[in-house]
Amino acid sequence: MPMTHAPSSGLMSLISAAVAPVVLISAVAILLSGYTSKHISISNQMRSLAMEYRNAATDEARRSNLKVQLLIFQRRLHFMWLSIFALSLAQLCFLTTVISVILSERAERIGVMGAISLVVGLLLMFVAVVTELYEMHLSRITVTEELIDICVSKNT
């Protein structure tokens, strides 16, 4: 006796095909939240350092140190923006994948458009993570600059 598929098997295939991009959408949303929070924190730190830099009471050595830090913070903000931009584009790609799955004639397959948007989204997530790693490297340099007068030996 041949087995017949339940009427809901098409719906189940559609749901299972859409699960991976939906999980990626959630992952991107979490990363975006963290990166946006970090962007706000860096911006506030820059404002604080800029205020100190502009203060007439700040001596020239400290002003020089602040200028180096502010330039690094500016680079960090640039890379944070790139990360957020790439993640936002990845989010759009994953949403396109889900839409492609829904509109696909065969629910088991995501189709060419869905596959392309999924791969592009993954590549954009990769770009975002790499730029975030570089931003973290710049963060380390900023902290080093802030502590240079404390950590440098007085004997040298």
C-alpha atoms as a PDB file:
ATOM      1  CA  MET A   1       0.000   0.000   0.000  1.00  0.00           C
ATOM      2  CA  PRO A   2       1.515   3.340  -0.986  1.00  0.00           C
ATOM      3  CA  MET A   3       1.920   5.899   1.761  1.00  0.00           C
ATOM      4  CA  THR A   4       0.173   9.195   1.286  1.00  0.00           C
ATOM      5  CA  HIS A   5       1.528  12.444   2.616  1.00  0.00           C
ATOM      6  CA  ALA A   6      -0.525  14.337   5.093  1.00  0.00           C
ATOM      7  CA  PRO A   7      -1.962  17.596   3.732  1.00  0.00           C
ATOM      8  CA  SER A   8       0.198  19.573   6.123  1.00  0.00           C
ATOM      9  CA  SER A   9       3.491  18.109   4.845  1.00  0.00           C
ATOM     10  CA  GLY A  10       3.881  21.023   2.417  1.00  0.00           C
ATOM     11  CA  LEU A  11       3.438  23.458   5.259  1.00  0.00           C
ATOM     12  CA  MET A  12       5.948  21.549   7.377  1.00  0.00           C
ATOM     13  CA  SER A  13       8.470  21.632   4.522  1.00  0.00           C
ATOM     14  CA  LEU A  14       7.932  25.367   4.154  1.00  0.00           C
ATOM     15  CA  ILE A  15       8.478  25.933   7.865  1.00  0.00           C
ATOM     16  CA  SER A  16      11.601  23.786   7.968  1.00  0.00           C
ATOM     17  CA  ALA A  17      13.052  25.559   4.914  1.00  0.00           C
ATOM     18  CA  ALA A  18      12.481  28.945   6.559  1.00  0.00           C
ATOM     19  CA  VAL A  19      13.898  28.034   9.986  1.00  0.00           C
ATOM     20  CA  ALA A  20      17.615  28.524   9.176  1.00  0.00           C
ATOM     21  CA  PRO A  21      17.248  32.074   7.848  1.00  0.00           C
ATOM     22  CA  VAL A  22      14.901  32.956  10.715  1.00  0.00           C
ATOM     23  CA  VAL A  23      17.510  31.763  13.223  1.00  0.00           C
ATOM     24  CA  LEU A  24      20.097  33.895  11.409  1.00  0.00           C
ATOM     25  CA  ILE A  25      17.754  36.885  11.603  1.00  0.00           C
ATOM     26  CA  SER A  26      17.630  36.417  15.383  1.00  0.00           C
ATOM     27  CA  ALA A  27      21.407  36.072  15.594  1.00  0.00           C
ATOM     28  CA  VAL A  28      21.901  39.260  13.572  1.00  0.00           C
ATOM     29  CA  ALA A  29      19.396  41.103  15.758  1.00  0.00           C
ATOM     30  CA  ILE A  30      21.366  40.124  18.869  1.00  0.00           C
ATOM     31  CA  LEU A  31      24.664  41.222  17.295  1.00  0.00           C
ATOM     32  CA  LEU A  32      23.112  44.492  16.110  1.00  0.00           C
ATOM     33  CA  SER A  33      21.868  45.223  19.604  1.00  0.00           C
ATOM     34  CA  GLY A  34      25.332  44.677  21.067  1.00  0.00           C
ATOM     35  CA  TYR A  35      27.126  46.645  18.374  1.00  0.00           C
ATOM     36  CA  THR A  36      24.678  49.544  18.615  1.00  0.00           C
ATOM     37  CA  SER A  37      25.140  49.668  22.384  1.00  0.00           C
ATOM     38  CA  LYS A  38      28.899  49.677  21.905  1.00  0.00           C
ATOM     39  CA  HIS A  39      28.595  52.467  19.307  1.00  0.00           C
ATOM     40  CA  ILE A  40      26.663  54.601  21.797  1.00  0.00           C
ATOM     41  CA  SER A  41      29.263  53.925  24.496  1.00  0.00           C
ATOM     42  CA  ILE A  42      32.157  54.885  22.206  1.00  0.00           C
ATOM     43  CA  SER A  43      30.354  58.059  21.139  1.00  0.00           C
ATOM     44  CA  ASN A  44      29.800  59.063  24.771  1.00  0.00           C
ATOM     45  CA  GLN A  45      33.431  58.346  25.620  1.00  0.00           C
ATOM     46  CA  MET A  46      34.539  60.495  22.685  1.00  0.00           C
ATOM     47  CA  ARG A  47      32.360  63.369  23.872  1.00  0.00           C
ATOM     48  CA  SER A  48      33.860  63.107  27.340  1.00  0.00           C
ATOM     49  CA  LEU A  49      37.433  63.055  26.025  1.00  0.00           C
ATOM     50  CA  ALA A  50      36.710  65.937  23.638  1.00  0.00           C
ATOM     51  CA  MET A  51      35.340  68.006  26.533  1.00  0.00           C
ATOM     52  CA  GLU A  52      38.508  67.290  28.522  1.00  0.00           C
ATOM     53  CA  TYR A  53      40.640  68.149  25.475  1.00  0.00           C
ATOM     54  CA  ARG A  54      38.862  71.518  25.083  1.00  0.00           C
ATOM     55  CA  ASN A  55      39.167  72.360  28.786  1.00  0.00           C
ATOM     56  CA  ALA A  56      41.646  75.221  29.244  1.00  0.00           C
ATOM     57  CA  ALA A  57      42.985  73.571  32.411  1.00  0.00           C
ATOM     58  CA  THR A  58      44.162  70.459  30.511  1.00  0.00           C
ATOM     59  CA  ASP A  59      47.958  70.482  30.192  1.00  0.00           C
ATOM     60  CA  GLU A  60      49.658  70.006  26.849  1.00  0.00           C
ATOM     61  CA  ALA A  61      50.943  66.470  27.528  1.00  0.00           C
ATOM     62  CA  ARG A  62      47.443  65.274  28.433  1.00  0.00           C
ATOM     63  CA  ARG A  63      45.975  67.135  25.451  1.00  0.00           C
ATOM     64  CA  SER A  64      48.439  65.341  23.157  1.00  0.00           C
ATOM     65  CA  ASN A  65      47.454  61.984  24.665  1.00  0.00           C
ATOM     66  CA  LEU A  66      43.753  62.822  24.316  1.00  0.00           C
ATOM     67  CA  LYS A  67      44.231  63.715  20.656  1.00  0.00           C
ATOM     68  CA  VAL A  68      45.782  60.300  19.937  1.00  0.00           C
ATOM     69  CA  GLN A  69      42.932  58.583  21.771  1.00  0.00           C
ATOM     70  CA  LEU A  70      40.273  60.618  19.962  1.00  0.00           C
ATOM     71  CA  LEU A  71      41.759  59.718  16.586  1.00  0.00           C
ATOM     72  CA  ILE A  72      41.696  56.026  17.519  1.00  0.00           C
ATOM     73  CA  PHE A  73      38.125  56.371  18.807  1.00  0.00           C
ATOM     74  CA  GLN A  74      37.200  57.950  15.484  1.00  0.00           C
ATOM     75  CA  ARG A  75      38.621  54.923  13.645  1.00  0.00           C
ATOM     76  CA  ARG A  76      36.784  52.607  16.040  1.00  0.00           C
ATOM     77  CA  LEU A  77      33.505  54.381  15.318  1.00  0.00           C
ATOM     78  CA  HIS A  78      34.150  53.975  11.603  1.00  0.00           C
ATOM     79  CA  PHE A  79      34.599  50.222  11.980  1.00  0.00           C
ATOM     80  CA  MET A  80      31.603  49.953  14.293  1.00  0.00           C
ATOM     81  CA  TRP A  81      29.557  51.720  11.608  1.00  0.00           C
ATOM     82  CA  LEU A  82      30.835  49.249   9.000  1.00  0.00           C
ATOM     83  CA  SER A  83      29.876  46.332  11.245  1.00  0.00           C
ATOM     84  CA  ILE A  84      26.408  47.714  11.871  1.00  0.00           C
ATOM     85  CA  PHE A  85      25.935  48.475   8.167  1.00  0.00           C
ATOM     86  CA  ALA A  86      27.038  44.971   7.120  1.00  0.00           C
ATOM     87  CA  LEU A  87      24.784  43.359   9.716  1.00  0.00           C
ATOM     88  CA  SER A  88      21.847  45.475   8.593  1.00  0.00           C
ATOM     89  CA  LEU A  89      22.405  44.363   4.991  1.00  0.00           C
ATOM     90  CA  ALA A  90      22.745  40.752   6.170  1.00  0.00           C
ATOM     91  CA  GLN A  91      19.423  41.126   7.950  1.00  0.00           C
ATOM     92  CA  LEU A  92      17.834  42.278   4.685  1.00  0.00           C
ATOM     93  CA  CYS A  93      19.358  39.305   2.856  1.00  0.00           C
ATOM     94  CA  PHE A  94      18.012  36.837   5.400  1.00  0.00           C
ATOM     95  CA  LEU A  95      14.583  38.442   5.227  1.00  0.00           C
ATOM     96  CA  THR A  96      14.757  38.112   1.434  1.00  0.00           C
ATOM     97  CA  THR A  97      15.616  34.438   1.878  1.00  0.00           C
ATOM     98  CA  VAL A  98      12.567  33.888   4.057  1.00  0.00           C
ATOM     99  CA  ILE A  99      10.346  35.691   1.549  1.00  0.00           C
ATOM    100  CA  SER A 100      11.872  33.622  -1.250  1.00  0.00           C
ATOM    101  CA  VAL A 101      11.105  30.421   0.658  1.00  0.00           C
ATOM    102  CA  ILE A 102       7.528  31.498   1.191  1.00  0.00           C
ATOM    103  CA  LEU A 103       7.060  32.437  -2.450  1.00  0.00           C
ATOM    104  CA  SER A 104       8.897  29.393  -3.788  1.00  0.00           C
ATOM    105  CA  GLU A 105       6.801  26.893  -5.708  1.00  0.00           C
ATOM    106  CA  ARG A 106       8.521  24.007  -3.964  1.00  0.00           C
ATOM    107  CA  ALA A 107       8.783  24.573  -0.262  1.00  0.00           C
ATOM    108  CA  GLU A 108      11.678  22.115   0.106  1.00  0.00           C
ATOM    109  CA  ARG A 109      13.891  24.308  -2.032  1.00  0.00           C
ATOM    110  CA  ILE A 110      14.723  27.921  -1.375  1.00  0.00           C
ATOM    111  CA  GLY A 111      15.308  28.711  -5.028  1.00  0.00           C
ATOM    112  CA  VAL A 112      18.140  30.662  -6.613  1.00  0.00           C
ATOM    113  CA  MET A 113      17.153  34.037  -5.139  1.00  0.00           C
ATOM    114  CA  GLY A 114      16.852  32.548  -1.658  1.00  0.00           C
ATOM    115  CA  ALA A 115      20.209  30.789  -1.942  1.00  0.00           C
ATOM    116  CA  ILE A 116      21.951  33.924  -3.198  1.00  0.00           C
ATOM    117  CA  SER A 117      20.470  36.106  -0.469  1.00  0.00           C
ATOM    118  CA  LEU A 118      21.395  33.507   2.165  1.00  0.00           C
ATOM    119  CA  VAL A 119      25.023  33.336   0.997  1.00  0.00           C
ATOM    120  CA  VAL A 120      25.309  37.128   0.686  1.00  0.00           C
ATOM    121  CA  GLY A 121      23.834  37.501   4.170  1.00  0.00           C
ATOM    122  CA  LEU A 122      26.349  35.042   5.598  1.00  0.00           C
ATOM    123  CA  LEU A 123      29.193  36.887   3.862  1.00  0.00           C
ATOM    124  CA  LEU A 124      27.965  40.187   5.293  1.00  0.00           C
ATOM    125  CA  MET A 125      27.854  38.633   8.768  1.00  0.00           C
ATOM    126  CA  PHE A 126      31.447  37.517   8.193  1.00  0.00           C
ATOM    127  CA  VAL A 127      32.445  41.085   7.206  1.00  0.00           C
ATOM    128  CA  ALA A 128      30.701  42.462  10.303  1.00  0.00           C
ATOM    129  CA  VAL A 129      32.492  40.048  12.623  1.00  0.00           C
ATOM    130  CA  VAL A 130      35.894  40.758  11.033  1.00  0.00           C
ATOM    131  CA  THR A 131      35.399  44.532  11.311  1.00  0.00           C
ATOM    132  CA  GLU A 132      34.289  44.067  14.913  1.00  0.00           C
ATOM    133  CA  LEU A 133      37.505  42.136  15.609  1.00  0.00           C
ATOM    134  CA  TYR A 134      39.537  45.014  14.144  1.00  0.00           C
ATOM    135  CA  GLU A 135      37.542  47.510  16.203  1.00  0.00           C
ATOM    136  CA  MET A 136      38.391  45.472  19.307  1.00  0.00           C
ATOM    137  CA  HIS A 137      42.065  45.721  18.334  1.00  0.00           C
ATOM    138  CA  LEU A 138      41.696  49.506  18.128  1.00  0.00           C
ATOM    139  CA  SER A 139      39.986  49.456  21.514  1.00  0.00           C
ATOM    140  CA  ARG A 140      43.059  47.832  23.016  1.00  0.00           C
ATOM    141  CA  ILE A 141      45.245  50.587  21.523  1.00  0.00           C
ATOM    142  CA  THR A 142      42.961  53.253  23.021  1.00  0.00           C
ATOM    143  CA  VAL A 143      43.257  51.729  26.484  1.00  0.00           C
ATOM    144  CA  THR A 144      47.034  51.507  26.088  1.00  0.00           C
ATOM    145  CA  GLU A 145      47.159  55.209  25.174  1.00  0.00           C
ATOM    146  CA  GLU A 146      45.035  56.122  28.202  1.00  0.00           C
ATOM    147  CA  LEU A 147      47.385  54.255  30.526  1.00  0.00           C
ATOM    148  CA  ILE A 148      50.684  55.150  28.858  1.00  0.00           C
ATOM    149  CA  ASP A 149      51.705  57.614  31.579  1.00  0.00           C
ATOM    150  CA  ILE A 150      50.905  55.048  34.283  1.00  0.00           C
ATOM    151  CA  CYS A 151      52.482  51.982  32.671  1.00  0.00           C
ATOM    152  CA  VAL A 152      55.678  53.574  31.342  1.00  0.00           C
ATOM    153  CA  SER A 153      58.558  53.098  33.716  1.00  0.00           C
ATOM    154  CA  LYS A 154      59.896  56.329  35.254  1.00  0.00           C
ATOM    155  CA  ASN A 155      63.480  55.014  34.741  1.00  0.00           C
ATOM    156  CA  THR A 156      63.304  55.000  30.939  1.00  0.00           C
END
